[in-house]
Amino acid sequence: MNEENNATSEGGTSTINNNRALAALAYFGPLLVVSYILGNNNPYVKFHLRQGLVLLVIEAGIWLVGVFLFSPFIFGLLGLIRLAVAVFAIIGIINAVQGKEKELPWLGQFAKYFTL
């Protein structure tokens, strides 16, 4: 699906740039609320909001595990998972900025469980 053509027909270049910026913002943890408020009516932004929510849920789970388990091994493992989440966020940001609706590897399939 080519979102660039859809956004151009809706309002020009500034709409494309705004949608891409809002979609990219969805991968910055709690800042996805801003994308939700400002771009909730745009399907392109919603797609990236769902992808960002998957990463946010994983981050919240990592935080909860870290709070309740005080093991150096667990902290190392959680650090690796955080690094992986950061890599997935970068992939999502790149896709959003390039105007692509591409699922994140391995994790993107879980975005369908979030309805916005």
C-alpha atoms as a PDB file:
ATOM      1  CA  MET A   1       0.000   0.000   0.000  1.00  0.00           C
ATOM      2  CA  ASN A   2       1.444   3.334  -0.970  1.00  0.00           C
ATOM      3  CA  GLU A   3       0.557   5.796   1.766  1.00  0.00           C
ATOM      4  CA  GLU A   4       2.351   8.625   0.029  1.00  0.00           C
ATOM      5  CA  ASN A   5      -0.331   8.831  -2.655  1.00  0.00           C
ATOM      6  CA  ASN A   6      -3.153   8.689  -0.101  1.00  0.00           C
ATOM      7  CA  ALA A   7      -1.648  11.452   2.022  1.00  0.00           C
ATOM      8  CA  THR A   8      -1.033  13.641  -1.035  1.00  0.00           C
ATOM      9  CA  SER A   9      -4.641  13.451  -2.090  1.00  0.00           C
ATOM     10  CA  GLU A  10      -5.759  14.393   1.430  1.00  0.00           C
ATOM     11  CA  GLY A  11      -3.771  17.564   1.815  1.00  0.00           C
ATOM     12  CA  GLY A  12      -0.391  17.789   0.175  1.00  0.00           C
ATOM     13  CA  THR A  13       3.202  17.499   1.276  1.00  0.00           C
ATOM     14  CA  SER A  14       2.706  18.873   4.789  1.00  0.00           C
ATOM     15  CA  THR A  15       0.155  16.119   5.480  1.00  0.00           C
ATOM     16  CA  ILE A  16       2.648  13.487   4.371  1.00  0.00           C
ATOM     17  CA  ASN A  17       5.354  14.904   6.608  1.00  0.00           C
ATOM     18  CA  ASN A  18       3.006  15.281   9.585  1.00  0.00           C
ATOM     19  CA  ASN A  19       1.772  11.719   9.232  1.00  0.00           C
ATOM     20  CA  ARG A  20       5.300  10.374   8.969  1.00  0.00           C
ATOM     21  CA  ALA A  21       6.395  12.360  12.021  1.00  0.00           C
ATOM     22  CA  LEU A  22       3.391  11.190  14.054  1.00  0.00           C
ATOM     23  CA  ALA A  23       3.956   7.612  12.927  1.00  0.00           C
ATOM     24  CA  ALA A  24       7.636   7.781  13.921  1.00  0.00           C
ATOM     25  CA  LEU A  25       6.706   9.296  17.292  1.00  0.00           C
ATOM     26  CA  ALA A  26       4.665   6.159  18.040  1.00  0.00           C
ATOM     27  CA  TYR A  27       7.921   4.257  18.630  1.00  0.00           C
ATOM     28  CA  PHE A  28       9.128   6.537  21.424  1.00  0.00           C
ATOM     29  CA  GLY A  29       7.437   4.759  24.333  1.00  0.00           C
ATOM     30  CA  PRO A  30       4.952   6.905  26.236  1.00  0.00           C
ATOM     31  CA  LEU A  31       5.146   9.617  23.565  1.00  0.00           C
ATOM     32  CA  LEU A  32       2.877   7.472  21.427  1.00  0.00           C
ATOM     33  CA  VAL A  33       0.038   9.192  23.293  1.00  0.00           C
ATOM     34  CA  VAL A  34       0.819  12.322  21.268  1.00  0.00           C
ATOM     35  CA  SER A  35       0.542  10.318  18.038  1.00  0.00           C
ATOM     36  CA  TYR A  36      -2.721   8.825  19.254  1.00  0.00           C
ATOM     37  CA  ILE A  37      -4.241  12.206  20.072  1.00  0.00           C
ATOM     38  CA  LEU A  38      -3.100  14.008  16.925  1.00  0.00           C
ATOM     39  CA  GLY A  39      -3.274  11.225  14.336  1.00  0.00           C
ATOM     40  CA  ASN A  40      -5.932   8.812  15.527  1.00  0.00           C
ATOM     41  CA  ASN A  41      -8.086   9.336  12.423  1.00  0.00           C
ATOM     42  CA  ASN A  42      -5.267   8.400  10.019  1.00  0.00           C
ATOM     43  CA  PRO A  43      -4.894   4.694   9.147  1.00  0.00           C
ATOM     44  CA  TYR A  44      -1.160   5.086   8.461  1.00  0.00           C
ATOM     45  CA  VAL A  45      -0.535   6.542  11.932  1.00  0.00           C
ATOM     46  CA  LYS A  46      -2.792   3.900  13.511  1.00  0.00           C
ATOM     47  CA  PHE A  47      -0.728   1.133  11.914  1.00  0.00           C
ATOM     48  CA  HIS A  48       2.444   2.475  13.504  1.00  0.00           C
ATOM     49  CA  LEU A  49       0.649   3.152  16.797  1.00  0.00           C
ATOM     50  CA  ARG A  50      -0.195  -0.541  17.029  1.00  0.00           C
ATOM     51  CA  GLN A  51       3.404  -1.502  16.274  1.00  0.00           C
ATOM     52  CA  GLY A  52       4.626   0.963  18.909  1.00  0.00           C
ATOM     53  CA  LEU A  53       2.153  -0.407  21.452  1.00  0.00           C
ATOM     54  CA  VAL A  54       3.662  -3.866  21.063  1.00  0.00           C
ATOM     55  CA  LEU A  55       7.065  -2.445  21.970  1.00  0.00           C
ATOM     56  CA  LEU A  56       5.613  -0.435  24.862  1.00  0.00           C
ATOM     57  CA  VAL A  57       3.959  -3.542  26.333  1.00  0.00           C
ATOM     58  CA  ILE A  58       7.273  -5.403  26.116  1.00  0.00           C
ATOM     59  CA  GLU A  59       9.059  -2.512  27.828  1.00  0.00           C
ATOM     60  CA  ALA A  60       6.426  -2.451  30.590  1.00  0.00           C
ATOM     61  CA  GLY A  61       6.863  -6.201  31.076  1.00  0.00           C
ATOM     62  CA  ILE A  62      10.639  -5.789  31.273  1.00  0.00           C
ATOM     63  CA  TRP A  63      10.206  -3.070  33.861  1.00  0.00           C
ATOM     64  CA  LEU A  64       7.862  -5.210  35.972  1.00  0.00           C
ATOM     65  CA  VAL A  65      10.179  -8.213  35.864  1.00  0.00           C
ATOM     66  CA  GLY A  66      13.116  -5.988  36.803  1.00  0.00           C
ATOM     67  CA  VAL A  67      11.235  -4.545  39.764  1.00  0.00           C
ATOM     68  CA  PHE A  68      10.327  -7.916  41.240  1.00  0.00           C
ATOM     69  CA  LEU A  69      13.404 -10.001  40.436  1.00  0.00           C
ATOM     70  CA  PHE A  70      16.764  -8.839  41.786  1.00  0.00           C
ATOM     71  CA  SER A  71      19.186 -11.166  40.059  1.00  0.00           C
ATOM     72  CA  PRO A  72      22.292 -10.015  38.142  1.00  0.00           C
ATOM     73  CA  PHE A  73      21.556 -12.677  35.527  1.00  0.00           C
ATOM     74  CA  ILE A  74      18.003 -11.361  35.092  1.00  0.00           C
ATOM     75  CA  PHE A  75      19.274  -7.780  34.781  1.00  0.00           C
ATOM     76  CA  GLY A  76      21.694  -8.868  32.043  1.00  0.00           C
ATOM     77  CA  LEU A  77      18.970 -10.719  30.181  1.00  0.00           C
ATOM     78  CA  LEU A  78      16.592  -7.776  30.517  1.00  0.00           C
ATOM     79  CA  GLY A  79      19.315  -5.488  29.200  1.00  0.00           C
ATOM     80  CA  LEU A  80      19.625  -7.621  26.090  1.00  0.00           C
ATOM     81  CA  ILE A  81      15.866  -7.567  25.608  1.00  0.00           C
ATOM     82  CA  ARG A  82      15.864  -3.771  26.000  1.00  0.00           C
ATOM     83  CA  LEU A  83      18.558  -3.544  23.347  1.00  0.00           C
ATOM     84  CA  ALA A  84      16.464  -5.698  21.013  1.00  0.00           C
ATOM     85  CA  VAL A  85      13.404  -3.501  21.641  1.00  0.00           C
ATOM     86  CA  ALA A  86      15.503  -0.433  20.803  1.00  0.00           C
ATOM     87  CA  VAL A  87      16.593  -2.057  17.531  1.00  0.00           C
ATOM     88  CA  PHE A  88      12.965  -2.869  16.676  1.00  0.00           C
ATOM     89  CA  ALA A  89      11.988   0.724  17.497  1.00  0.00           C
ATOM     90  CA  ILE A  90      14.671   2.008  15.127  1.00  0.00           C
ATOM     91  CA  ILE A  91      13.383  -0.311  12.394  1.00  0.00           C
ATOM     92  CA  GLY A  92       9.859   1.007  12.996  1.00  0.00           C
ATOM     93  CA  ILE A  93      11.001   4.623  12.914  1.00  0.00           C
ATOM     94  CA  ILE A  94      12.830   4.043   9.626  1.00  0.00           C
ATOM     95  CA  ASN A  95       9.732   2.422   8.131  1.00  0.00           C
ATOM     96  CA  ALA A  96       7.517   5.271   9.356  1.00  0.00           C
ATOM     97  CA  VAL A  97       9.793   7.989   8.002  1.00  0.00           C
ATOM     98  CA  GLN A  98      10.037   6.217   4.643  1.00  0.00           C
ATOM     99  CA  GLY A  99       6.244   5.987   4.409  1.00  0.00           C
ATOM    100  CA  LYS A 100       6.050   2.191   4.678  1.00  0.00           C
ATOM    101  CA  GLU A 101       3.434   0.120   6.470  1.00  0.00           C
ATOM    102  CA  LYS A 102       5.736  -2.771   7.177  1.00  0.00           C
ATOM    103  CA  GLU A 103       5.346  -4.996  10.248  1.00  0.00           C
ATOM    104  CA  LEU A 104       8.220  -5.299  12.667  1.00  0.00           C
ATOM    105  CA  PRO A 105      10.061  -8.616  12.362  1.00  0.00           C
ATOM    106  CA  TRP A 106       8.690 -11.297  14.736  1.00  0.00           C
ATOM    107  CA  LEU A 107       6.766  -8.762  16.848  1.00  0.00           C
ATOM    108  CA  GLY A 108       4.592  -6.964  14.318  1.00  0.00           C
ATOM    109  CA  GLN A 109       2.111  -9.826  14.114  1.00  0.00           C
ATOM    110  CA  PHE A 110       0.945  -9.040  17.665  1.00  0.00           C
ATOM    111  CA  ALA A 111      -0.163  -5.531  16.692  1.00  0.00           C
ATOM    112  CA  LYS A 112      -3.450  -6.935  15.367  1.00  0.00           C
ATOM    113  CA  TYR A 113      -4.568  -7.492  18.963  1.00  0.00           C
ATOM    114  CA  PHE A 114      -4.678  -3.738  19.607  1.00  0.00           C
ATOM    115  CA  THR A 115      -7.779  -1.944  18.405  1.00  0.00           C
ATOM    116  CA  LEU A 116      -7.628   1.818  18.179  1.00  0.00           C
END
